[in-house]
Amino acid sequence: MSNPRLSDETIAEFLSDLPGWALSGNQLSRSFQFPDFSTAMGFMVRVGMVCESLDHHPNWYNVYGKVEVQLWTHDAAGVTALDVRLATQMSKIAAQAGCKS
């Protein structure tokens, strides 16, 4: 397997640099709150382009200005470095987009 599952200890180390993200079962999860629907959708479009470039796609949904995200690598049945990389990019994009949480 080219993208092995990370240990809980390794994930905890990464999470210390990713405020707002949590390990929930075998996945990373986070809720992003934006000022309105348009900003939330803009965030999703920008993240979508990153997802395509990584060939890695989140489980996510939005309601008005809120975007809920879960990340895990199906082949590894858990969190891998690819999930951490995507979470990091999502956090950066959210901050640029005016995420309130």
PDB file of N, CA and C in Angstrom:
ATOM      1  N   MET A   1       0.858  -1.179   0.000  1.00  0.00           N
ATOM      2  CA  MET A   1       0.000   0.000   0.000  1.00  0.00           C
ATOM      3  C   MET A   1       0.904   1.243   0.000  1.00  0.00           C
ATOM      4  N   SER A   2       0.663   2.131  -0.933  1.00  0.00           N
ATOM      5  CA  SER A   2       1.533   3.300  -1.078  1.00  0.00           C
ATOM      6  C   SER A   2       1.218   4.410  -0.089  1.00  0.00           C
ATOM      7  N   ASN A   3       0.084   4.359   0.532  1.00  0.00           N
ATOM      8  CA  ASN A   3      -0.319   5.408   1.469  1.00  0.00           C
ATOM      9  C   ASN A   3      -0.829   4.748   2.754  1.00  0.00           C
ATOM     10  N   PRO A   4       0.091   4.344   3.644  1.00  0.00           N
ATOM     11  CA  PRO A   4      -0.307   3.565   4.824  1.00  0.00           C
ATOM     12  C   PRO A   4      -1.066   4.392   5.863  1.00  0.00           C
ATOM     13  N   ARG A   5      -1.888   3.684   6.604  1.00  0.00           N
ATOM     14  CA  ARG A   5      -2.641   4.289   7.702  1.00  0.00           C
ATOM     15  C   ARG A   5      -1.677   4.778   8.780  1.00  0.00           C
ATOM     16  N   LEU A   6      -1.959   5.968   9.312  1.00  0.00           N
ATOM     17  CA  LEU A   6      -1.135   6.544  10.369  1.00  0.00           C
ATOM     18  C   LEU A   6      -1.592   6.044  11.740  1.00  0.00           C
ATOM     19  N   SER A   7      -0.658   5.964  12.656  1.00  0.00           N
ATOM     20  CA  SER A   7      -1.006   5.584  14.024  1.00  0.00           C
ATOM     21  C   SER A   7      -1.745   6.741  14.704  1.00  0.00           C
ATOM     22  N   ASP A   8      -2.493   6.428  15.734  1.00  0.00           N
ATOM     23  CA  ASP A   8      -3.204   7.472  16.476  1.00  0.00           C
ATOM     24  C   ASP A   8      -2.223   8.490  17.063  1.00  0.00           C
ATOM     25  N   GLU A   9      -1.050   8.027  17.473  1.00  0.00           N
ATOM     26  CA  GLU A   9      -0.046   8.928  18.038  1.00  0.00           C
ATOM     27  C   GLU A   9       0.464   9.912  16.979  1.00  0.00           C
ATOM     28  N   THR A  10       0.707   9.419  15.775  1.00  0.00           N
ATOM     29  CA  THR A  10       1.170  10.281  14.683  1.00  0.00           C
ATOM     30  C   THR A  10       0.078  11.273  14.301  1.00  0.00           C
ATOM     31  N   ILE A  11      -1.155  10.814  14.246  1.00  0.00           N
ATOM     32  CA  ILE A  11      -2.279  11.700  13.923  1.00  0.00           C
ATOM     33  C   ILE A  11      -2.383  12.790  14.985  1.00  0.00           C
ATOM     34  N   ALA A  12      -2.240  12.428  16.249  1.00  0.00           N
ATOM     35  CA  ALA A  12      -2.314  13.420  17.335  1.00  0.00           C
ATOM     36  C   ALA A  12      -1.249  14.492  17.166  1.00  0.00           C
ATOM     37  N   GLU A  13      -0.056  14.101  16.734  1.00  0.00           N
ATOM     38  CA  GLU A  13       1.006  15.079  16.487  1.00  0.00           C
ATOM     39  C   GLU A  13       0.596  16.054  15.389  1.00  0.00           C
ATOM     40  N   PHE A  14       0.051  15.531  14.295  1.00  0.00           N
ATOM     41  CA  PHE A  14      -0.405  16.392  13.203  1.00  0.00           C
ATOM     42  C   PHE A  14      -1.539  17.308  13.653  1.00  0.00           C
ATOM     43  N   LEU A  15      -2.447  16.776  14.452  1.00  0.00           N
ATOM     44  CA  LEU A  15      -3.604  17.563  14.893  1.00  0.00           C
ATOM     45  C   LEU A  15      -3.200  18.737  15.776  1.00  0.00           C
ATOM     46  N   SER A  16      -2.063  18.633  16.427  1.00  0.00           N
ATOM     47  CA  SER A  16      -1.615  19.757  17.255  1.00  0.00           C
ATOM     48  C   SER A  16      -1.327  20.989  16.399  1.00  0.00           C
ATOM     49  N   ASP A  17      -1.089  20.785  15.105  1.00  0.00           N
ATOM     50  CA  ASP A  17      -0.869  21.888  14.171  1.00  0.00           C
ATOM     51  C   ASP A  17      -2.091  22.190  13.309  1.00  0.00           C
ATOM     52  N   LEU A  18      -3.205  21.514  13.576  1.00  0.00           N
ATOM     53  CA  LEU A  18      -4.427  21.698  12.787  1.00  0.00           C
ATOM     54  C   LEU A  18      -5.611  22.028  13.705  1.00  0.00           C
ATOM     55  N   PRO A  19      -5.673  23.261  14.190  1.00  0.00           N
ATOM     56  CA  PRO A  19      -6.775  23.636  15.082  1.00  0.00           C
ATOM     57  C   PRO A  19      -8.138  23.387  14.432  1.00  0.00           C
ATOM     58  N   GLY A  20      -9.043  22.879  15.235  1.00  0.00           N
ATOM     59  CA  GLY A  20     -10.398  22.641  14.757  1.00  0.00           C
ATOM     60  C   GLY A  20     -10.633  21.228  14.250  1.00  0.00           C
ATOM     61  N   TRP A  21      -9.578  20.538  13.884  1.00  0.00           N
ATOM     62  CA  TRP A  21      -9.707  19.166  13.401  1.00  0.00           C
ATOM     63  C   TRP A  21      -9.643  18.203  14.578  1.00  0.00           C
ATOM     64  N   ALA A  22     -10.354  17.077  14.431  1.00  0.00           N
ATOM     65  CA  ALA A  22     -10.361  16.051  15.485  1.00  0.00           C
ATOM     66  C   ALA A  22     -10.350  14.674  14.840  1.00  0.00           C
ATOM     67  N   LEU A  23      -9.831  13.714  15.571  1.00  0.00           N
ATOM     68  CA  LEU A  23      -9.912  12.322  15.150  1.00  0.00           C
ATOM     69  C   LEU A  23     -11.217  11.771  15.701  1.00  0.00           C
ATOM     70  N   SER A  24     -12.046  11.291  14.803  1.00  0.00           N
ATOM     71  CA  SER A  24     -13.348  10.742  15.184  1.00  0.00           C
ATOM     72  C   SER A  24     -13.451   9.351  14.567  1.00  0.00           C
ATOM     73  N   GLY A  25     -13.257   8.337  15.389  1.00  0.00           N
ATOM     74  CA  GLY A  25     -13.215   6.979  14.859  1.00  0.00           C
ATOM     75  C   GLY A  25     -11.978   6.823  13.997  1.00  0.00           C
ATOM     76  N   ASN A  26     -12.174   6.472  12.738  1.00  0.00           N
ATOM     77  CA  ASN A  26     -11.043   6.287  11.832  1.00  0.00           C
ATOM     78  C   ASN A  26     -10.932   7.423  10.810  1.00  0.00           C
ATOM     79  N   GLN A  27     -11.419   8.613  11.185  1.00  0.00           N
ATOM     80  CA  GLN A  27     -11.392   9.732  10.250  1.00  0.00           C
ATOM     81  C   GLN A  27     -11.122  11.062  10.941  1.00  0.00           C
ATOM     82  N   LEU A  28     -10.633  12.008  10.150  1.00  0.00           N
ATOM     83  CA  LEU A  28     -10.486  13.381  10.623  1.00  0.00           C
ATOM     84  C   LEU A  28     -11.793  14.100  10.347  1.00  0.00           C
ATOM     85  N   SER A  29     -12.210  14.952  11.267  1.00  0.00           N
ATOM     86  CA  SER A  29     -13.454  15.686  11.045  1.00  0.00           C
ATOM     87  C   SER A  29     -13.286  17.138  11.483  1.00  0.00           C
ATOM     88  N   ARG A  30     -14.060  17.973  10.834  1.00  0.00           N
ATOM     89  CA  ARG A  30     -14.052  19.394  11.173  1.00  0.00           C
ATOM     90  C   ARG A  30     -15.318  20.039  10.632  1.00  0.00           C
ATOM     91  N   SER A  31     -15.751  21.066  11.335  1.00  0.00           N
ATOM     92  CA  SER A  31     -16.851  21.916  10.896  1.00  0.00           C
ATOM     93  C   SER A  31     -16.282  23.303  10.629  1.00  0.00           C
ATOM     94  N   PHE A  32     -16.552  23.831   9.442  1.00  0.00           N
ATOM     95  CA  PHE A  32     -16.136  25.183   9.075  1.00  0.00           C
ATOM     96  C   PHE A  32     -17.382  26.069   9.036  1.00  0.00           C
ATOM     97  N   GLN A  33     -17.321  27.228   9.666  1.00  0.00           N
ATOM     98  CA  GLN A  33     -18.450  28.153   9.668  1.00  0.00           C
ATOM     99  C   GLN A  33     -18.049  29.417   8.905  1.00  0.00           C
ATOM    100  N   PHE A  34     -18.801  29.727   7.864  1.00  0.00           N
ATOM    101  CA  PHE A  34     -18.558  30.900   7.030  1.00  0.00           C
ATOM    102  C   PHE A  34     -19.701  31.894   7.210  1.00  0.00           C
ATOM    103  N   PRO A  35     -19.482  33.144   6.806  1.00  0.00           N
ATOM    104  CA  PRO A  35     -20.513  34.153   7.034  1.00  0.00           C
ATOM    105  C   PRO A  35     -21.810  33.933   6.246  1.00  0.00           C
ATOM    106  N   ASP A  36     -21.720  33.205   5.124  1.00  0.00           N
ATOM    107  CA  ASP A  36     -22.925  33.013   4.304  1.00  0.00           C
ATOM    108  C   ASP A  36     -22.733  31.835   3.349  1.00  0.00           C
ATOM    109  N   PHE A  37     -23.789  31.507   2.631  1.00  0.00           N
ATOM    110  CA  PHE A  37     -23.793  30.381   1.705  1.00  0.00           C
ATOM    111  C   PHE A  37     -22.782  30.577   0.578  1.00  0.00           C
ATOM    112  N   SER A  38     -22.728  31.755   0.021  1.00  0.00           N
ATOM    113  CA  SER A  38     -21.836  32.035  -1.096  1.00  0.00           C
ATOM    114  C   SER A  38     -20.370  31.804  -0.712  1.00  0.00           C
ATOM    115  N   THR A  39     -19.984  32.245   0.459  1.00  0.00           N
ATOM    116  CA  THR A  39     -18.602  32.055   0.922  1.00  0.00           C
ATOM    117  C   THR A  39     -18.313  30.571   1.147  1.00  0.00           C
ATOM    118  N   ALA A  40     -19.272  29.862   1.724  1.00  0.00           N
ATOM    119  CA  ALA A  40     -19.100  28.424   1.948  1.00  0.00           C
ATOM    120  C   ALA A  40     -18.941  27.690   0.624  1.00  0.00           C
ATOM    121  N   MET A  41     -19.747  28.043  -0.356  1.00  0.00           N
ATOM    122  CA  MET A  41     -19.647  27.389  -1.662  1.00  0.00           C
ATOM    123  C   MET A  41     -18.341  27.747  -2.363  1.00  0.00           C
ATOM    124  N   GLY A  42     -17.882  28.976  -2.227  1.00  0.00           N
ATOM    125  CA  GLY A  42     -16.594  29.358  -2.792  1.00  0.00           C
ATOM    126  C   GLY A  42     -15.463  28.530  -2.196  1.00  0.00           C
ATOM    127  N   PHE A  43     -15.529  28.314  -0.891  1.00  0.00           N
ATOM    128  CA  PHE A  43     -14.561  27.465  -0.200  1.00  0.00           C
ATOM    129  C   PHE A  43     -14.598  26.056  -0.786  1.00  0.00           C
ATOM    130  N   MET A  44     -15.784  25.519  -0.962  1.00  0.00           N
ATOM    131  CA  MET A  44     -15.916  24.155  -1.478  1.00  0.00           C
ATOM    132  C   MET A  44     -15.372  24.045  -2.903  1.00  0.00           C
ATOM    133  N   VAL A  45     -15.583  25.053  -3.718  1.00  0.00           N
ATOM    134  CA  VAL A  45     -15.067  25.027  -5.085  1.00  0.00           C
ATOM    135  C   VAL A  45     -13.542  25.053  -5.073  1.00  0.00           C
ATOM    136  N   ARG A  46     -12.965  25.936  -4.271  1.00  0.00           N
ATOM    137  CA  ARG A  46     -11.498  26.017  -4.192  1.00  0.00           C
ATOM    138  C   ARG A  46     -10.910  24.711  -3.663  1.00  0.00           C
ATOM    139  N   VAL A  47     -11.520  24.153  -2.632  1.00  0.00           N
ATOM    140  CA  VAL A  47     -11.039  22.878  -2.091  1.00  0.00           C
ATOM    141  C   VAL A  47     -11.232  21.769  -3.122  1.00  0.00           C
ATOM    142  N   GLY A  48     -12.322  21.829  -3.860  1.00  0.00           N
ATOM    143  CA  GLY A  48     -12.571  20.818  -4.889  1.00  0.00           C
ATOM    144  C   GLY A  48     -11.449  20.727  -5.904  1.00  0.00           C
ATOM    145  N   MET A  49     -10.867  21.858  -6.261  1.00  0.00           N
ATOM    146  CA  MET A  49      -9.749  21.854  -7.208  1.00  0.00           C
ATOM    147  C   MET A  49      -8.518  21.190  -6.590  1.00  0.00           C
ATOM    148  N   VAL A  50      -8.294  21.432  -5.297  1.00  0.00           N
ATOM    149  CA  VAL A  50      -7.185  20.765  -4.605  1.00  0.00           C
ATOM    150  C   VAL A  50      -7.447  19.258  -4.557  1.00  0.00           C
ATOM    151  N   CYS A  51      -8.677  18.881  -4.252  1.00  0.00           N
ATOM    152  CA  CYS A  51      -9.038  17.460  -4.195  1.00  0.00           C
ATOM    153  C   CYS A  51      -8.751  16.766  -5.524  1.00  0.00           C
ATOM    154  N   GLU A  52      -9.108  17.413  -6.608  1.00  0.00           N
ATOM    155  CA  GLU A  52      -8.850  16.835  -7.920  1.00  0.00           C
ATOM    156  C   GLU A  52      -7.360  16.669  -8.161  1.00  0.00           C
ATOM    157  N   SER A  53      -6.565  17.673  -7.778  1.00  0.00           N
ATOM    158  CA  SER A  53      -5.119  17.584  -8.002  1.00  0.00           C
ATOM    159  C   SER A  53      -4.489  16.477  -7.165  1.00  0.00           C
ATOM    160  N   LEU A  54      -5.049  16.201  -5.991  1.00  0.00           N
ATOM    161  CA  LEU A  54      -4.550  15.137  -5.120  1.00  0.00           C
ATOM    162  C   LEU A  54      -5.192  13.781  -5.426  1.00  0.00           C
ATOM    163  N   ASP A  55      -6.254  13.792  -6.231  1.00  0.00           N
ATOM    164  CA  ASP A  55      -7.075  12.608  -6.485  1.00  0.00           C
ATOM    165  C   ASP A  55      -7.530  11.997  -5.158  1.00  0.00           C
ATOM    166  N   HIS A  56      -8.021  12.883  -4.295  1.00  0.00           N
ATOM    167  CA  HIS A  56      -8.486  12.486  -2.962  1.00  0.00           C
ATOM    168  C   HIS A  56      -9.665  13.381  -2.604  1.00  0.00           C
ATOM    169  N   HIS A  57     -10.780  12.782  -2.252  1.00  0.00           N
ATOM    170  CA  HIS A  57     -12.021  13.546  -2.119  1.00  0.00           C
ATOM    171  C   HIS A  57     -12.663  13.341  -0.753  1.00  0.00           C
ATOM    172  N   PRO A  58     -13.135  14.429  -0.144  1.00  0.00           N
ATOM    173  CA  PRO A  58     -13.722  14.341   1.202  1.00  0.00           C
ATOM    174  C   PRO A  58     -15.170  13.877   1.176  1.00  0.00           C
ATOM    175  N   ASN A  59     -15.609  13.458   2.325  1.00  0.00           N
ATOM    176  CA  ASN A  59     -17.029  13.293   2.575  1.00  0.00           C
ATOM    177  C   ASN A  59     -17.439  14.617   3.217  1.00  0.00           C
ATOM    178  N   TRP A  60     -18.314  15.375   2.565  1.00  0.00           N
ATOM    179  CA  TRP A  60     -18.652  16.690   3.099  1.00  0.00           C
ATOM    180  C   TRP A  60     -20.051  17.111   2.684  1.00  0.00           C
ATOM    181  N   TYR A  61     -20.578  18.058   3.419  1.00  0.00           N
ATOM    182  CA  TYR A  61     -21.853  18.657   3.052  1.00  0.00           C
ATOM    183  C   TYR A  61     -21.920  20.052   3.644  1.00  0.00           C
ATOM    184  N   ASN A  62     -22.807  20.852   3.093  1.00  0.00           N
ATOM    185  CA  ASN A  62     -22.964  22.185   3.657  1.00  0.00           C
ATOM    186  C   ASN A  62     -24.434  22.532   3.816  1.00  0.00           C
ATOM    187  N   VAL A  63     -24.683  23.355   4.804  1.00  0.00           N
ATOM    188  CA  VAL A  63     -25.984  23.952   5.047  1.00  0.00           C
ATOM    189  C   VAL A  63     -25.727  25.431   5.274  1.00  0.00           C
ATOM    190  N   TYR A  64     -26.199  26.237   4.372  1.00  0.00           N
ATOM    191  CA  TYR A  64     -25.999  27.675   4.367  1.00  0.00           C
ATOM    192  C   TYR A  64     -24.508  27.999   4.481  1.00  0.00           C
ATOM    193  N   GLY A  65     -24.020  28.487   5.603  1.00  0.00           N
ATOM    194  CA  GLY A  65     -22.619  28.858   5.730  1.00  0.00           C
ATOM    195  C   GLY A  65     -21.756  27.836   6.436  1.00  0.00           C
ATOM    196  N   LYS A  66     -22.298  26.681   6.715  1.00  0.00           N
ATOM    197  CA  LYS A  66     -21.560  25.657   7.466  1.00  0.00           C
ATOM    198  C   LYS A  66     -21.169  24.503   6.538  1.00  0.00           C
ATOM    199  N   VAL A  67     -19.890  24.096   6.613  1.00  0.00           N
ATOM    200  CA  VAL A  67     -19.399  22.961   5.835  1.00  0.00           C
ATOM    201  C   VAL A  67     -18.834  21.936   6.809  1.00  0.00           C
ATOM    202  N   GLU A  68     -19.403  20.742   6.798  1.00  0.00           N
ATOM    203  CA  GLU A  68     -18.941  19.632   7.631  1.00  0.00           C
ATOM    204  C   GLU A  68     -18.083  18.710   6.769  1.00  0.00           C
ATOM    205  N   VAL A  69     -16.925  18.304   7.307  1.00  0.00           N
ATOM    206  CA  VAL A  69     -15.973  17.513   6.533  1.00  0.00           C
ATOM    207  C   VAL A  69     -15.528  16.289   7.319  1.00  0.00           C
ATOM    208  N   GLN A  70     -15.412  15.164   6.631  1.00  0.00           N
ATOM    209  CA  GLN A  70     -14.779  13.967   7.173  1.00  0.00           C
ATOM    210  C   GLN A  70     -13.772  13.488   6.135  1.00  0.00           C
ATOM    211  N   LEU A  71     -12.572  13.186   6.599  1.00  0.00           N
ATOM    212  CA  LEU A  71     -11.499  12.708   5.720  1.00  0.00           C
ATOM    213  C   LEU A  71     -10.970  11.371   6.203  1.00  0.00           C
ATOM    214  N   TRP A  72     -10.806  10.447   5.286  1.00  0.00           N
ATOM    215  CA  TRP A  72     -10.114   9.193   5.536  1.00  0.00           C
ATOM    216  C   TRP A  72      -9.790   8.576   4.185  1.00  0.00           C
ATOM    217  N   THR A  73      -8.842   7.678   4.189  1.00  0.00           N
ATOM    218  CA  THR A  73      -8.443   6.997   2.960  1.00  0.00           C
ATOM    219  C   THR A  73      -9.067   5.618   2.969  1.00  0.00           C
ATOM    220  N   HIS A  74      -9.953   5.372   2.036  1.00  0.00           N
ATOM    221  CA  HIS A  74     -10.707   4.120   2.004  1.00  0.00           C
ATOM    222  C   HIS A  74      -9.789   2.900   1.928  1.00  0.00           C
ATOM    223  N   ASP A  75      -8.789   2.954   1.046  1.00  0.00           N
ATOM    224  CA  ASP A  75      -7.892   1.803   0.879  1.00  0.00           C
ATOM    225  C   ASP A  75      -7.133   1.461   2.154  1.00  0.00           C
ATOM    226  N   ALA A  76      -6.867   2.461   2.984  1.00  0.00           N
ATOM    227  CA  ALA A  76      -6.129   2.240   4.231  1.00  0.00           C
ATOM    228  C   ALA A  76      -7.070   2.035   5.414  1.00  0.00           C
ATOM    229  N   ALA A  77      -8.358   2.206   5.200  1.00  0.00           N
ATOM    230  CA  ALA A  77      -9.363   2.085   6.263  1.00  0.00           C
ATOM    231  C   ALA A  77      -9.062   3.008   7.437  1.00  0.00           C
ATOM    232  N   GLY A  78      -8.560   4.195   7.128  1.00  0.00           N
ATOM    233  CA  GLY A  78      -8.263   5.163   8.176  1.00  0.00           C
ATOM    234  C   GLY A  78      -7.542   6.375   7.627  1.00  0.00           C
ATOM    235  N   VAL A  79      -6.935   7.114   8.521  1.00  0.00           N
ATOM    236  CA  VAL A  79      -6.271   8.377   8.182  1.00  0.00           C
ATOM    237  C   VAL A  79      -4.848   8.104   7.702  1.00  0.00           C
ATOM    238  N   THR A  80      -4.496   8.740   6.586  1.00  0.00           N
ATOM    239  CA  THR A  80      -3.152   8.647   6.026  1.00  0.00           C
ATOM    240  C   THR A  80      -2.560  10.050   5.895  1.00  0.00           C
ATOM    241  N   ALA A  81      -1.312  10.106   5.460  1.00  0.00           N
ATOM    242  CA  ALA A  81      -0.660  11.399   5.230  1.00  0.00           C
ATOM    243  C   ALA A  81      -1.419  12.224   4.199  1.00  0.00           C
ATOM    244  N   LEU A  82      -2.079  11.572   3.264  1.00  0.00           N
ATOM    245  CA  LEU A  82      -2.863  12.276   2.257  1.00  0.00           C
ATOM    246  C   LEU A  82      -4.026  13.039   2.903  1.00  0.00           C
ATOM    247  N   ASP A  83      -4.650  12.449   3.900  1.00  0.00           N
ATOM    248  CA  ASP A  83      -5.738  13.126   4.616  1.00  0.00           C
ATOM    249  C   ASP A  83      -5.219  14.338   5.378  1.00  0.00           C
ATOM    250  N   VAL A  84      -4.063  14.179   5.996  1.00  0.00           N
ATOM    251  CA  VAL A  84      -3.459  15.298   6.734  1.00  0.00           C
ATOM    252  C   VAL A  84      -3.103  16.423   5.771  1.00  0.00           C
ATOM    253  N   ARG A  85      -2.574  16.052   4.621  1.00  0.00           N
ATOM    254  CA  ARG A  85      -2.228  17.060   3.606  1.00  0.00           C
ATOM    255  C   ARG A  85      -3.471  17.824   3.152  1.00  0.00           C
ATOM    256  N   LEU A  86      -4.557  17.103   2.893  1.00  0.00           N
ATOM    257  CA  LEU A  86      -5.789  17.762   2.464  1.00  0.00           C
ATOM    258  C   LEU A  86      -6.372  18.614   3.591  1.00  0.00           C
ATOM    259  N   ALA A  87      -6.347  18.127   4.811  1.00  0.00           N
ATOM    260  CA  ALA A  87      -6.842  18.909   5.956  1.00  0.00           C
ATOM    261  C   ALA A  87      -6.065  20.211   6.093  1.00  0.00           C
ATOM    262  N   THR A  88      -4.761  20.139   5.910  1.00  0.00           N
ATOM    263  CA  THR A  88      -3.918  21.332   5.998  1.00  0.00           C
ATOM    264  C   THR A  88      -4.306  22.338   4.922  1.00  0.00           C
ATOM    265  N   GLN A  89      -4.497  21.868   3.710  1.00  0.00           N
ATOM    266  CA  GLN A  89      -4.900  22.759   2.616  1.00  0.00           C
ATOM    267  C   GLN A  89      -6.286  23.353   2.866  1.00  0.00           C
ATOM    268  N   MET A  90      -7.201  22.531   3.370  1.00  0.00           N
ATOM    269  CA  MET A  90      -8.555  23.028   3.660  1.00  0.00           C
ATOM    270  C   MET A  90      -8.515  24.127   4.719  1.00  0.00           C
ATOM    271  N   SER A  91      -7.704  23.940   5.734  1.00  0.00           N
ATOM    272  CA  SER A  91      -7.595  24.961   6.790  1.00  0.00           C
ATOM    273  C   SER A  91      -7.045  26.271   6.237  1.00  0.00           C
ATOM    274  N   LYS A  92      -6.053  26.196   5.371  1.00  0.00           N
ATOM    275  CA  LYS A  92      -5.490  27.407   4.763  1.00  0.00           C
ATOM    276  C   LYS A  92      -6.521  28.122   3.909  1.00  0.00           C
ATOM    277  N   ILE A  93      -7.227  27.378   3.079  1.00  0.00           N
ATOM    278  CA  ILE A  93      -8.246  27.960   2.208  1.00  0.00           C
ATOM    279  C   ILE A  93      -9.372  28.555   3.044  1.00  0.00           C
ATOM    280  N   ALA A  94      -9.771  27.877   4.102  1.00  0.00           N
ATOM    281  CA  ALA A  94     -10.841  28.386   4.977  1.00  0.00           C
ATOM    282  C   ALA A  94     -10.441  29.719   5.607  1.00  0.00           C
ATOM    283  N   ALA A  95      -9.204  29.807   6.060  1.00  0.00           N
ATOM    284  CA  ALA A  95      -8.735  31.058   6.682  1.00  0.00           C
ATOM    285  C   ALA A  95      -8.760  32.204   5.669  1.00  0.00           C
ATOM    286  N   GLN A  96      -8.348  31.909   4.444  1.00  0.00           N
ATOM    287  CA  GLN A  96      -8.369  32.928   3.386  1.00  0.00           C
ATOM    288  C   GLN A  96      -9.793  33.348   3.036  1.00  0.00           C
ATOM    289  N   ALA A  97     -10.736  32.437   3.193  1.00  0.00           N
ATOM    290  CA  ALA A  97     -12.132  32.684   2.830  1.00  0.00           C
ATOM    291  C   ALA A  97     -12.932  33.338   3.959  1.00  0.00           C
ATOM    292  N   GLY A  98     -12.307  33.548   5.102  1.00  0.00           N
ATOM    293  CA  GLY A  98     -13.011  34.206   6.206  1.00  0.00           C
ATOM    294  C   GLY A  98     -13.779  33.266   7.099  1.00  0.00           C
ATOM    295  N   CYS A  99     -13.267  32.047   7.258  1.00  0.00           N
ATOM    296  CA  CYS A  99     -13.899  31.090   8.156  1.00  0.00           C
ATOM    297  C   CYS A  99     -13.988  31.677   9.561  1.00  0.00           C
ATOM    298  N   LYS A 100     -15.154  31.526  10.194  1.00  0.00           N
ATOM    299  CA  LYS A 100     -15.361  32.083  11.537  1.00  0.00           C
ATOM    300  C   LYS A 100     -15.004  31.087  12.639  1.00  0.00           C
ATOM    301  N   SER A 101     -14.773  29.824  12.278  1.00  0.00           N
ATOM    302  CA  SER A 101     -14.416  28.841  13.311  1.00  0.00           C
ATOM    303  C   SER A 101     -13.462  27.818  12.774  1.00  0.00           C
TER     304      SER A 101
END
